[in-house]
Each structure stands twice: as C-alpha cells, then as structure tokens.
Amino acid sequence: MGRARDAILEALENLTADELKKFKLKLLSAPLREGYGRIPRGTLLPLDAVDLTDKLVSCYLEGYSAELTAALLQDIGMKELALQLQEVTGQGPGAAPAGIPPPLQPASMPALHFVDQHRAALISRVTDVDGVLDALYRRVLTEEQYQAVRAEPTNPTKMRKLFSFAPAWNVACKDMLLQALRDTQPYLVADLESS
C-alpha cells in the first residue's frame, strides 16, 4: 500500500459509524474534477473504511483520493483529521480544494496525450483489443476491469469500455496503453502519429 492510501485508511478508520456515513453522503454530491466519475450510491453506502479506501484509490488514484478525502473530512467538521491527512500526503493546508483543479496558465497547459487526442480513431480502428488488454492486465487494469472489457461483444464497444476507465489513469498508465497499441497495432499508431 502507498503512503496516501495508508493515510486515507487511517483517517477513515478514525471516524465513528455516523461520521463515516456522513462522509459517504458528502462523497455522493461532492464536486469532482473533470474526467472523474461518481461512485454509485449502491456501491458506496455499504462499504467499510478498508473497502471505501480501496474504492477511492481505484476510482481516483492515490493523490486525488487523498485530496478529495481531506476536503470531505473538512466538510463534515473533521478538520483535525483533514489536516493530518494533508500533512502525511504533503498537500498542506494551502492546497486547492478537491473539486477544483488548480488553474493552469495557458503557456503551461500540457498537450493532450496521444490516447486522449486520438480516442475516437482508436475506438473505431483498433482490431486486436484482446492483445492490448493482455498487455495492460494487472499493470493498469484490475481483474474486474479486464473481464468487463472482454465481455463486450465488438471491438469498438471493448475500446469504449476500456476508455471508460481512463479518467482514473495517470500519464504512466496512458503511456502503457500507447506502448501496448504500438506493439499490437504498429501501423495504426504510425498512421495516427503522422496525421
């Protein structure tokens, strides 16, 4: 487990049952960064602290999960726990609120990653989705995600399902997808890179 995951778990384990319930209810309506989906109510409400930590990290990755958890702890009046979480994760009290990404200066705005830039073309043109999935299995995709993509009937729907997990990926995960595409679909990637 990572340091942020451990800190989130410790903070959530320090909540009473009522406080944990309040935390989950706040999470259902908290503003999220663009590209992040909401955890469904039916999935979220029965989770204990350990399972909730795992769900947060799997949906939002460690850094954003810690930031979001700290903001929600503040919202439910647990300011001390929020500050401890921020200190452990190195976010400090001056960090931007979880639902609002820090403003980017136009000059520093990064270019879209290849997989984001060519999403539509990849959905319609990738023919060896299973090869891509095998390369991402256990490195980027969990067993559940892998099986969910494999269950789709056509290559375009498989790719759409694969891209449904992308909002929680960092650049390294997207780089692994790009490498898997280069390995399995070299001519497609070369064509898209030259366009």
Protein backbone atom coordinates (compact mmCIF):
# COMPACT_ATOMS: atom_id res chain seq x y z
CA MET A 1 0.00 0.00 0.00
CA GLY A 2 1.13 3.52 -0.75
CA ARG A 3 1.61 6.28 1.77
CA ALA A 4 -1.51 8.17 0.64
CA ARG A 5 -3.65 5.01 0.75
CA ASP A 6 -2.44 4.26 4.28
CA ALA A 7 -3.17 7.84 5.37
CA ILE A 8 -6.68 7.75 3.86
CA LEU A 9 -7.39 4.44 5.60
CA GLU A 10 -6.12 5.75 8.93
CA ALA A 11 -8.31 8.86 8.63
CA LEU A 12 -11.42 6.87 7.71
CA GLU A 13 -10.83 4.33 10.49
CA ASN A 14 -10.83 7.23 12.99
CA LEU A 15 -14.40 8.15 12.04
CA THR A 16 -17.40 6.91 14.03
CA ALA A 17 -20.09 4.98 12.15
CA ASP A 18 -22.21 8.16 11.85
CA GLU A 19 -19.24 10.24 10.68
CA LEU A 20 -18.35 7.61 8.06
CA LYS A 21 -21.95 7.66 6.84
CA LYS A 22 -21.82 11.49 6.59
CA PHE A 23 -18.52 11.21 4.69
CA LYS A 24 -20.08 8.82 2.16
CA LEU A 25 -23.14 11.03 1.70
CA LYS A 26 -20.88 14.04 1.09
CA LEU A 27 -18.88 11.99 -1.43
CA LEU A 28 -22.08 11.30 -3.39
CA SER A 29 -22.57 15.02 -4.04
CA ALA A 30 -19.01 16.40 -3.92
CA PRO A 31 -17.81 18.29 -6.99
CA LEU A 32 -15.27 16.14 -8.82
CA ARG A 33 -12.52 17.09 -11.21
CA GLU A 34 -13.36 16.81 -14.87
CA GLY A 35 -12.98 13.28 -16.15
CA TYR A 36 -13.69 11.57 -12.83
CA GLY A 37 -16.93 9.65 -12.39
CA ARG A 38 -19.05 9.30 -9.31
CA ILE A 39 -19.06 6.07 -7.30
CA PRO A 40 -22.64 4.70 -7.49
CA ARG A 41 -24.70 5.07 -4.31
CA GLY A 42 -25.49 1.34 -4.12
CA THR A 43 -21.80 0.51 -4.27
CA LEU A 44 -20.66 3.26 -1.90
CA LEU A 45 -23.04 3.10 1.07
CA PRO A 46 -22.32 -0.47 2.32
CA LEU A 47 -18.51 -0.05 2.22
CA ASP A 48 -16.49 -0.11 5.44
CA ALA A 49 -13.35 2.03 5.88
CA VAL A 50 -11.00 -0.52 4.27
CA ASP A 51 -13.21 -1.16 1.25
CA LEU A 52 -14.00 2.54 0.88
CA THR A 53 -10.27 3.33 0.82
CA ASP A 54 -9.73 0.72 -1.90
CA LYS A 55 -12.67 2.06 -3.91
CA LEU A 56 -11.46 5.67 -3.63
CA VAL A 57 -7.93 4.77 -4.75
CA SER A 58 -9.13 2.56 -7.60
CA CYS A 59 -11.52 5.24 -8.90
CA TYR A 60 -9.48 8.39 -8.27
CA LEU A 61 -5.85 7.21 -7.80
CA GLU A 62 -3.93 7.91 -4.59
CA GLY A 63 -3.11 11.62 -4.96
CA TYR A 64 -6.59 12.80 -5.90
CA SER A 65 -8.19 10.38 -3.42
CA ALA A 66 -6.18 11.92 -0.57
CA GLU A 67 -7.05 15.43 -1.71
CA LEU A 68 -10.75 14.59 -2.05
CA THR A 69 -10.82 12.77 1.30
CA ALA A 70 -9.23 15.75 3.08
CA ALA A 71 -11.78 18.14 1.56
CA LEU A 72 -14.69 15.91 2.55
CA LEU A 73 -13.34 15.47 6.08
CA GLN A 74 -13.28 19.26 6.39
CA ASP A 75 -16.84 19.43 5.07
CA ILE A 76 -18.10 17.10 7.80
CA GLY A 77 -16.27 19.05 10.50
CA MET A 78 -13.28 16.74 10.94
CA LYS A 79 -10.70 19.48 10.38
CA GLU A 80 -8.00 17.88 12.55
CA LEU A 81 -8.15 14.60 10.60
CA ALA A 82 -8.13 16.54 7.33
CA LEU A 83 -5.01 18.46 8.38
CA GLN A 84 -3.26 15.24 9.47
CA LEU A 85 -4.08 13.65 6.11
CA GLN A 86 -2.77 16.71 4.23
CA GLU A 87 0.46 16.70 6.27
CA VAL A 88 1.10 12.99 5.68
CA THR A 89 0.43 13.26 1.94
CA GLY A 90 2.37 16.51 1.57
CA GLN A 91 -0.57 18.54 0.32
CA GLY A 92 -0.53 21.10 3.10
CA PRO A 93 -3.40 23.35 4.10
CA GLY A 94 -2.84 25.72 1.17
CA ALA A 95 -3.75 23.12 -1.45
CA ALA A 96 -6.59 23.79 -3.86
CA PRO A 97 -10.00 22.37 -2.90
CA ALA A 98 -10.53 18.82 -4.13
CA GLY A 99 -13.33 19.58 -6.56
CA ILE A 100 -11.48 22.41 -8.25
CA PRO A 101 -8.28 21.76 -10.15
CA PRO A 102 -5.57 24.37 -9.72
CA PRO A 103 -5.70 26.94 -12.50
CA LEU A 104 -3.33 26.32 -15.38
CA GLN A 105 -1.52 29.09 -17.13
CA PRO A 106 -2.12 28.95 -20.91
CA ALA A 107 1.62 28.60 -21.58
CA SER A 108 1.95 25.67 -19.16
CA MET A 109 -1.14 23.79 -20.33
CA PRO A 110 0.07 20.35 -21.40
CA ALA A 111 -0.78 18.91 -24.78
CA LEU A 112 -3.27 16.07 -24.83
CA HIS A 113 -1.78 12.60 -24.51
CA PHE A 114 -1.80 10.53 -27.71
CA VAL A 115 -4.57 8.24 -26.41
CA ASP A 116 -6.75 11.22 -25.47
CA GLN A 117 -6.05 13.04 -28.70
CA HIS A 118 -6.90 10.03 -30.88
CA ARG A 119 -9.64 8.48 -28.72
CA ALA A 120 -12.31 8.34 -31.45
CA ALA A 121 -9.96 6.84 -34.03
CA LEU A 122 -8.69 4.26 -31.56
CA ILE A 123 -12.24 3.23 -30.66
CA SER A 124 -13.20 2.69 -34.28
CA ARG A 125 -9.93 1.32 -35.70
CA VAL A 126 -8.24 -0.94 -33.11
CA THR A 127 -8.74 -4.55 -34.22
CA ASP A 128 -6.66 -6.50 -31.66
CA VAL A 129 -8.28 -5.31 -28.43
CA ASP A 130 -7.52 -8.57 -26.63
CA GLY A 131 -3.80 -8.12 -27.27
CA VAL A 132 -3.97 -4.61 -25.81
CA LEU A 133 -5.89 -5.91 -22.78
CA ASP A 134 -3.35 -8.65 -22.16
CA ALA A 135 -0.56 -6.06 -22.12
CA LEU A 136 -2.48 -3.89 -19.61
CA TYR A 137 -3.71 -6.70 -17.38
CA ARG A 138 -2.55 -6.32 -13.75
CA ARG A 139 -0.39 -3.32 -14.74
CA VAL A 140 -3.20 -0.87 -15.45
CA LEU A 141 -6.39 -2.95 -15.36
CA THR A 142 -7.73 -4.93 -12.43
CA GLU A 143 -9.18 -8.41 -12.97
CA GLU A 144 -12.70 -6.94 -12.81
CA GLN A 145 -11.93 -4.22 -15.37
CA TYR A 146 -10.19 -6.72 -17.66
CA GLN A 147 -13.20 -9.06 -17.58
CA ALA A 148 -15.66 -6.17 -18.10
CA VAL A 149 -13.86 -5.10 -21.28
CA ARG A 150 -13.52 -8.69 -22.54
CA ALA A 151 -17.28 -9.22 -22.06
CA GLU A 152 -18.17 -6.56 -24.63
CA PRO A 153 -19.30 -8.05 -27.97
CA THR A 154 -17.41 -5.90 -30.51
CA ASN A 155 -14.00 -4.25 -30.74
CA PRO A 156 -15.43 -0.69 -30.70
CA THR A 157 -17.52 -1.41 -27.59
CA LYS A 158 -14.49 -3.04 -25.95
CA MET A 159 -12.44 0.08 -26.64
CA ARG A 160 -15.22 2.32 -25.31
CA LYS A 161 -15.33 0.23 -22.14
CA LEU A 162 -11.52 0.43 -21.86
CA PHE A 163 -11.67 4.22 -22.23
CA SER A 164 -14.33 4.40 -19.51
CA PHE A 165 -11.55 3.57 -17.03
CA ALA A 166 -9.14 6.17 -18.45
CA PRO A 167 -10.25 9.15 -16.31
CA ALA A 168 -8.59 7.49 -13.30
CA TRP A 169 -5.31 6.88 -15.16
CA ASN A 170 -2.19 8.95 -14.84
CA VAL A 171 0.27 9.60 -17.66
CA ALA A 172 2.20 6.39 -16.92
CA CYS A 173 -0.96 4.32 -17.43
CA LYS A 174 -1.68 6.10 -20.71
CA ASP A 175 1.92 5.51 -21.77
CA MET A 176 1.46 1.78 -21.12
CA LEU A 177 -1.69 1.81 -23.28
CA LEU A 178 0.23 3.60 -26.03
CA GLN A 179 3.05 1.04 -25.82
CA ALA A 180 0.53 -1.82 -25.98
CA LEU A 181 -1.00 -0.19 -29.07
CA ARG A 182 2.45 0.22 -30.65
CA ASP A 183 3.17 -3.46 -30.01
CA THR A 184 -0.17 -4.78 -31.33
CA GLN A 185 -1.19 -2.14 -33.89
CA PRO A 186 2.07 -0.52 -35.12
CA TYR A 187 0.68 0.64 -38.48
CA LEU A 188 -2.40 2.24 -36.90
CA VAL A 189 -0.27 4.13 -34.35
CA ALA A 190 2.14 5.27 -37.06
CA ASP A 191 -0.77 6.49 -39.19
CA LEU A 192 -2.31 8.43 -36.27
CA GLU A 193 1.07 9.90 -35.25
CA SER A 194 1.63 11.22 -38.76
CA SER A 195 -1.83 12.77 -39.04
